[in-house]
Amino acid sequence: MRVMQKTLKTLFVCLVVVAMVGMATQCYAQDPGKKLVRGVANILTGWVELPKNIYDTSVEENILSGLTMGLAKGVGMTIVRTGAGIYETVTFPFPIPEDYQPVLEPEFVFSE
């Protein structure tokens, strides 16, 4: 049991590192490796869209809008970003869309 927990923790840390490296290399040309890293990063960080949209809407409008419209936008974008990550992870060997361009803009949740 402990070996499995240790293995899962190691795998999780490796995936987080891959995601962080993917976010740091945004200026490089698009290729299958970048598409795979982008997909894994979006799968792992898709949930961040929820608090991000609540916060952004609260700052732009007001706290009530943030808790209602921001929540709705966050739930929707969490589904979209995670789905885009799954799609890009599964299709990373193929140049679709053309030249491995991102399916979603911004390509990472933390990008401006």
C-alpha atoms as a PDB file:
ATOM      1  CA  MET A   1       0.000   0.000   0.000  1.00  0.00           C
ATOM      2  CA  ARG A   2       2.774   2.441   0.926  1.00  0.00           C
ATOM      3  CA  VAL A   3       4.697   1.608  -2.241  1.00  0.00           C
ATOM      4  CA  MET A   4       1.616   2.457  -4.289  1.00  0.00           C
ATOM      5  CA  GLN A   5       1.122   5.748  -2.428  1.00  0.00           C
ATOM      6  CA  LYS A   6       4.767   6.636  -2.964  1.00  0.00           C
ATOM      7  CA  THR A   7       4.479   5.778  -6.672  1.00  0.00           C
ATOM      8  CA  LEU A   8       1.340   7.885  -7.049  1.00  0.00           C
ATOM      9  CA  LYS A   9       2.984  10.829  -5.286  1.00  0.00           C
ATOM     10  CA  THR A  10       6.031  10.535  -7.553  1.00  0.00           C
ATOM     11  CA  LEU A  11       3.822  10.370 -10.641  1.00  0.00           C
ATOM     12  CA  PHE A  12       1.861  13.422  -9.498  1.00  0.00           C
ATOM     13  CA  VAL A  13       5.052  15.416  -8.895  1.00  0.00           C
ATOM     14  CA  CYS A  14       6.349  14.436 -12.350  1.00  0.00           C
ATOM     15  CA  LEU A  15       3.110  15.539 -14.007  1.00  0.00           C
ATOM     16  CA  VAL A  16       3.188  18.876 -12.160  1.00  0.00           C
ATOM     17  CA  VAL A  17       6.786  19.438 -13.284  1.00  0.00           C
ATOM     18  CA  VAL A  18       5.853  18.624 -16.892  1.00  0.00           C
ATOM     19  CA  ALA A  19       2.959  21.084 -16.660  1.00  0.00           C
ATOM     20  CA  MET A  20       5.194  23.798 -15.237  1.00  0.00           C
ATOM     21  CA  VAL A  21       7.812  23.257 -17.934  1.00  0.00           C
ATOM     22  CA  GLY A  22       5.067  23.462 -20.555  1.00  0.00           C
ATOM     23  CA  MET A  23       3.877  26.780 -19.200  1.00  0.00           C
ATOM     24  CA  ALA A  24       7.438  28.154 -19.175  1.00  0.00           C
ATOM     25  CA  THR A  25       8.163  27.287 -22.828  1.00  0.00           C
ATOM     26  CA  GLN A  26       5.379  29.198 -24.537  1.00  0.00           C
ATOM     27  CA  CYS A  27       7.684  31.045 -26.921  1.00  0.00           C
ATOM     28  CA  TYR A  28       8.925  27.950 -28.763  1.00  0.00           C
ATOM     29  CA  ALA A  29       7.574  26.602 -32.042  1.00  0.00           C
ATOM     30  CA  GLN A  30       4.586  24.278 -31.955  1.00  0.00           C
ATOM     31  CA  ASP A  31       5.383  20.562 -32.182  1.00  0.00           C
ATOM     32  CA  PRO A  32       3.916  17.249 -30.918  1.00  0.00           C
ATOM     33  CA  GLY A  33       5.827  17.441 -27.639  1.00  0.00           C
ATOM     34  CA  LYS A  34       4.559  20.940 -26.920  1.00  0.00           C
ATOM     35  CA  LYS A  35       1.025  19.824 -27.770  1.00  0.00           C
ATOM     36  CA  LEU A  36       1.312  16.888 -25.349  1.00  0.00           C
ATOM     37  CA  VAL A  37       2.673  19.081 -22.545  1.00  0.00           C
ATOM     38  CA  ARG A  38      -0.053  21.673 -23.204  1.00  0.00           C
ATOM     39  CA  GLY A  39      -2.705  18.951 -23.068  1.00  0.00           C
ATOM     40  CA  VAL A  40      -1.424  17.467 -19.802  1.00  0.00           C
ATOM     41  CA  ALA A  41      -1.071  20.946 -18.284  1.00  0.00           C
ATOM     42  CA  ASN A  42      -4.664  21.803 -19.200  1.00  0.00           C
ATOM     43  CA  ILE A  43      -5.948  18.525 -17.774  1.00  0.00           C
ATOM     44  CA  LEU A  44      -4.129  19.166 -14.497  1.00  0.00           C
ATOM     45  CA  THR A  45      -4.943  22.885 -14.215  1.00  0.00           C
ATOM     46  CA  GLY A  46      -8.405  23.023 -15.783  1.00  0.00           C
ATOM     47  CA  TRP A  47     -10.019  23.280 -12.342  1.00  0.00           C
ATOM     48  CA  VAL A  48      -8.204  26.596 -11.762  1.00  0.00           C
ATOM     49  CA  GLU A  49     -10.668  28.216 -14.197  1.00  0.00           C
ATOM     50  CA  LEU A  50     -13.335  28.060 -11.465  1.00  0.00           C
ATOM     51  CA  PRO A  51     -11.734  30.306  -8.820  1.00  0.00           C
ATOM     52  CA  LYS A  52     -10.050  32.404 -11.534  1.00  0.00           C
ATOM     53  CA  ASN A  53     -13.363  33.313 -13.173  1.00  0.00           C
ATOM     54  CA  ILE A  54     -15.054  33.997  -9.837  1.00  0.00           C
ATOM     55  CA  TYR A  55     -12.209  36.333  -8.868  1.00  0.00           C
ATOM     56  CA  ASP A  56     -11.970  38.059 -12.281  1.00  0.00           C
ATOM     57  CA  THR A  57     -15.724  38.685 -12.445  1.00  0.00           C
ATOM     58  CA  SER A  58     -15.770  39.957  -8.847  1.00  0.00           C
ATOM     59  CA  VAL A  59     -12.988  42.439  -9.630  1.00  0.00           C
ATOM     60  CA  GLU A  60     -14.506  43.569 -12.938  1.00  0.00           C
ATOM     61  CA  GLU A  61     -18.075  43.900 -11.658  1.00  0.00           C
ATOM     62  CA  ASN A  62     -18.968  43.075  -8.044  1.00  0.00           C
ATOM     63  CA  ILE A  63     -18.919  40.209  -5.565  1.00  0.00           C
ATOM     64  CA  LEU A  64     -22.502  39.129  -6.318  1.00  0.00           C
ATOM     65  CA  SER A  65     -21.717  38.868 -10.035  1.00  0.00           C
ATOM     66  CA  GLY A  66     -18.557  36.978  -9.177  1.00  0.00           C
ATOM     67  CA  LEU A  67     -20.434  34.451  -7.089  1.00  0.00           C
ATOM     68  CA  THR A  68     -23.122  33.926  -9.734  1.00  0.00           C
ATOM     69  CA  MET A  69     -21.911  34.723 -13.256  1.00  0.00           C
ATOM     70  CA  GLY A  70     -18.263  34.096 -12.368  1.00  0.00           C
ATOM     71  CA  LEU A  71     -19.180  30.719 -10.929  1.00  0.00           C
ATOM     72  CA  ALA A  72     -21.153  29.805 -14.059  1.00  0.00           C
ATOM     73  CA  LYS A  73     -18.321  30.945 -16.348  1.00  0.00           C
ATOM     74  CA  GLY A  74     -15.811  29.085 -14.186  1.00  0.00           C
ATOM     75  CA  VAL A  75     -17.726  25.815 -14.338  1.00  0.00           C
ATOM     76  CA  GLY A  76     -18.093  26.148 -18.107  1.00  0.00           C
ATOM     77  CA  MET A  77     -14.435  27.020 -18.667  1.00  0.00           C
ATOM     78  CA  THR A  78     -13.291  24.210 -16.364  1.00  0.00           C
ATOM     79  CA  ILE A  79     -15.129  21.752 -18.594  1.00  0.00           C
ATOM     80  CA  VAL A  80     -13.855  23.400 -21.795  1.00  0.00           C
ATOM     81  CA  ARG A  81     -10.198  23.629 -20.672  1.00  0.00           C
ATOM     82  CA  THR A  82     -10.108  20.073 -19.294  1.00  0.00           C
ATOM     83  CA  GLY A  83     -11.809  18.774 -22.452  1.00  0.00           C
ATOM     84  CA  ALA A  84      -9.333  20.642 -24.660  1.00  0.00           C
ATOM     85  CA  GLY A  85      -6.509  19.137 -22.597  1.00  0.00           C
ATOM     86  CA  ILE A  86      -7.872  15.621 -23.067  1.00  0.00           C
ATOM     87  CA  TYR A  87      -8.302  16.237 -26.809  1.00  0.00           C
ATOM     88  CA  GLU A  88      -4.764  17.586 -27.209  1.00  0.00           C
ATOM     89  CA  THR A  89      -3.257  14.775 -25.130  1.00  0.00           C
ATOM     90  CA  VAL A  90      -5.003  12.094 -27.195  1.00  0.00           C
ATOM     91  CA  THR A  91      -4.248  13.725 -30.579  1.00  0.00           C
ATOM     92  CA  PHE A  92      -0.722  15.009 -29.845  1.00  0.00           C
ATOM     93  CA  PRO A  93       1.000  12.899 -32.569  1.00  0.00           C
ATOM     94  CA  PHE A  94      -1.192  14.428 -35.293  1.00  0.00           C
ATOM     95  CA  PRO A  95      -0.840  18.009 -36.638  1.00  0.00           C
ATOM     96  CA  ILE A  96      -4.481  18.927 -35.999  1.00  0.00           C
ATOM     97  CA  PRO A  97      -5.276  21.767 -35.865  1.00  0.00           C
ATOM     98  CA  GLU A  98      -2.716  22.767 -38.483  1.00  0.00           C
ATOM     99  CA  ASP A  99       0.884  22.919 -37.223  1.00  0.00           C
ATOM    100  CA  TYR A 100      -0.112  21.764 -33.708  1.00  0.00           C
ATOM    101  CA  GLN A 101      -1.693  25.122 -32.883  1.00  0.00           C
ATOM    102  CA  PRO A 102      -3.600  25.339 -29.572  1.00  0.00           C
ATOM    103  CA  VAL A 103      -7.279  24.439 -29.594  1.00  0.00           C
ATOM    104  CA  LEU A 104      -8.004  27.007 -26.886  1.00  0.00           C
ATOM    105  CA  GLU A 105      -6.745  30.565 -26.377  1.00  0.00           C
ATOM    106  CA  PRO A 106      -5.044  31.369 -24.103  1.00  0.00           C
ATOM    107  CA  GLU A 107      -3.338  28.022 -24.370  1.00  0.00           C
ATOM    108  CA  PHE A 108      -2.713  27.794 -20.583  1.00  0.00           C
ATOM    109  CA  VAL A 109      -4.977  28.881 -17.733  1.00  0.00           C
ATOM    110  CA  PHE A 110      -2.304  31.222 -16.378  1.00  0.00           C
ATOM    111  CA  SER A 111      -1.592  32.925 -19.733  1.00  0.00           C
ATOM    112  CA  GLU A 112      -2.852  36.442 -20.349  1.00  0.00           C
END
